[in-house]
Protein backbone atom coordinates (compact mmCIF):
# COMPACT_ATOMS: atom_id res chain seq x y z
CA MET A 1 112.00 85.09 126.69
CA VAL A 2 108.68 83.99 124.99
CA GLN A 3 106.65 86.86 125.87
CA VAL A 4 109.95 89.00 125.36
CA ALA A 5 110.04 87.92 121.85
CA THR A 6 106.48 88.59 121.02
CA ARG A 7 106.94 91.91 122.64
CA THR A 8 109.68 93.25 120.34
CA GLY A 9 108.94 90.58 117.35
CA ILE A 10 112.67 89.47 117.85
CA SER A 11 112.59 85.23 118.29
CA SER A 12 113.39 83.54 120.82
CA SER A 13 115.84 81.49 119.00
CA VAL A 14 117.88 84.98 118.83
CA LEU A 15 117.20 86.86 122.03
CA SER A 16 118.80 83.49 123.47
CA ARG A 17 122.32 83.95 121.30
CA LEU A 18 121.73 87.55 122.76
CA ARG A 19 121.82 86.87 126.20
CA THR A 20 124.74 83.63 125.55
CA GLY A 21 126.67 86.48 123.73
CA GLU A 22 126.55 84.29 121.04
CA ARG A 23 125.16 87.16 118.93
CA ALA A 24 125.71 90.91 118.93
CA PRO A 25 122.48 93.05 118.58
CA THR A 26 122.03 95.04 115.50
CA ALA A 27 121.24 98.38 116.20
CA SER A 28 117.40 97.82 115.23
CA GLN A 29 117.44 95.19 117.68
CA VAL A 30 118.86 96.96 120.46
CA LYS A 31 116.13 99.43 119.97
CA LEU A 32 113.28 97.22 119.92
CA LEU A 33 115.17 96.12 123.46
CA LEU A 34 114.91 99.86 124.48
CA LYS A 35 111.86 100.44 124.12
CA HIS A 36 110.41 96.96 125.63
CA LEU A 37 112.97 97.16 128.84
CA LYS A 38 111.77 101.16 128.93
CA LEU A 39 115.28 102.77 129.20
CA ALA A 40 115.92 105.80 128.54
CA GLY A 41 118.65 108.32 129.23
CA THR A 42 121.72 107.99 130.79
CA ASP A 43 120.40 104.10 130.82
CA ALA A 44 120.08 103.43 127.38
CA ALA A 45 123.36 105.30 126.40
CA HIS A 46 125.07 102.97 128.88
CA PHE A 47 122.93 99.57 127.41
CA HIS A 48 123.40 101.26 124.00
CA ASP A 49 127.31 101.90 124.38
CA LEU A 50 126.99 98.01 125.46
CA ALA A 51 125.96 96.63 122.57
CA VAL A 52 128.26 98.21 119.98
CA LEU A 53 130.62 97.04 122.53
CA ALA A 54 129.70 93.03 121.84
CA ARG A 55 129.57 94.24 117.79
CA THR A 56 133.00 95.52 118.22
CA PRO A 57 136.07 93.33 116.92
CA GLY A 58 138.60 91.38 120.20
CA GLU A 59 141.69 93.64 118.97
CA VAL A 60 139.56 97.06 119.09
CA ARG A 61 138.37 96.75 122.64
CA GLU A 62 142.03 95.37 124.09
CA ARG A 63 143.72 97.81 122.27
CA LEU A 64 140.78 100.25 123.71
CA ALA A 65 140.69 99.08 127.20
CA GLN A 66 144.91 99.51 126.85
CA ALA A 67 144.33 103.14 125.44
CA GLU A 68 141.73 103.84 129.03
CA ALA A 69 144.28 102.52 131.29
CA ALA A 70 146.51 104.84 130.12
CA ALA A 71 144.09 107.57 130.62
CA ALA A 72 143.88 106.33 133.30
CA GLU A 73 147.22 106.43 134.61
CA ALA A 74 147.98 109.72 133.05
CA LEU A 75 144.84 111.27 135.03
CA ASP A 76 146.35 110.37 138.05
CA GLY A 77 150.08 111.30 137.61
CA ARG A 78 148.72 114.49 137.17
CA ARG A 79 145.97 114.73 140.37
CA GLN A 80 149.85 113.71 142.14
CA LEU A 81 151.33 116.20 141.00
CA GLU A 82 148.70 118.66 142.35
């Protein structure tokens, strides 16, 4: 973790809190981590989406999960009609 901290400029304590979920990364920290991890394309987009989700309040995440489940159920219903 010390090497990642040195290479990204993010302190070891902050990296530890990010890793354990005690803290969500800022947009600038996400950019630094993407660069360090050499992520691009869909991997970078997925990493970014997870970081945004980590900053999203629990109540909103629950509503998103419910909406996603309802959409999947509706899609399954349409497929059965075909």
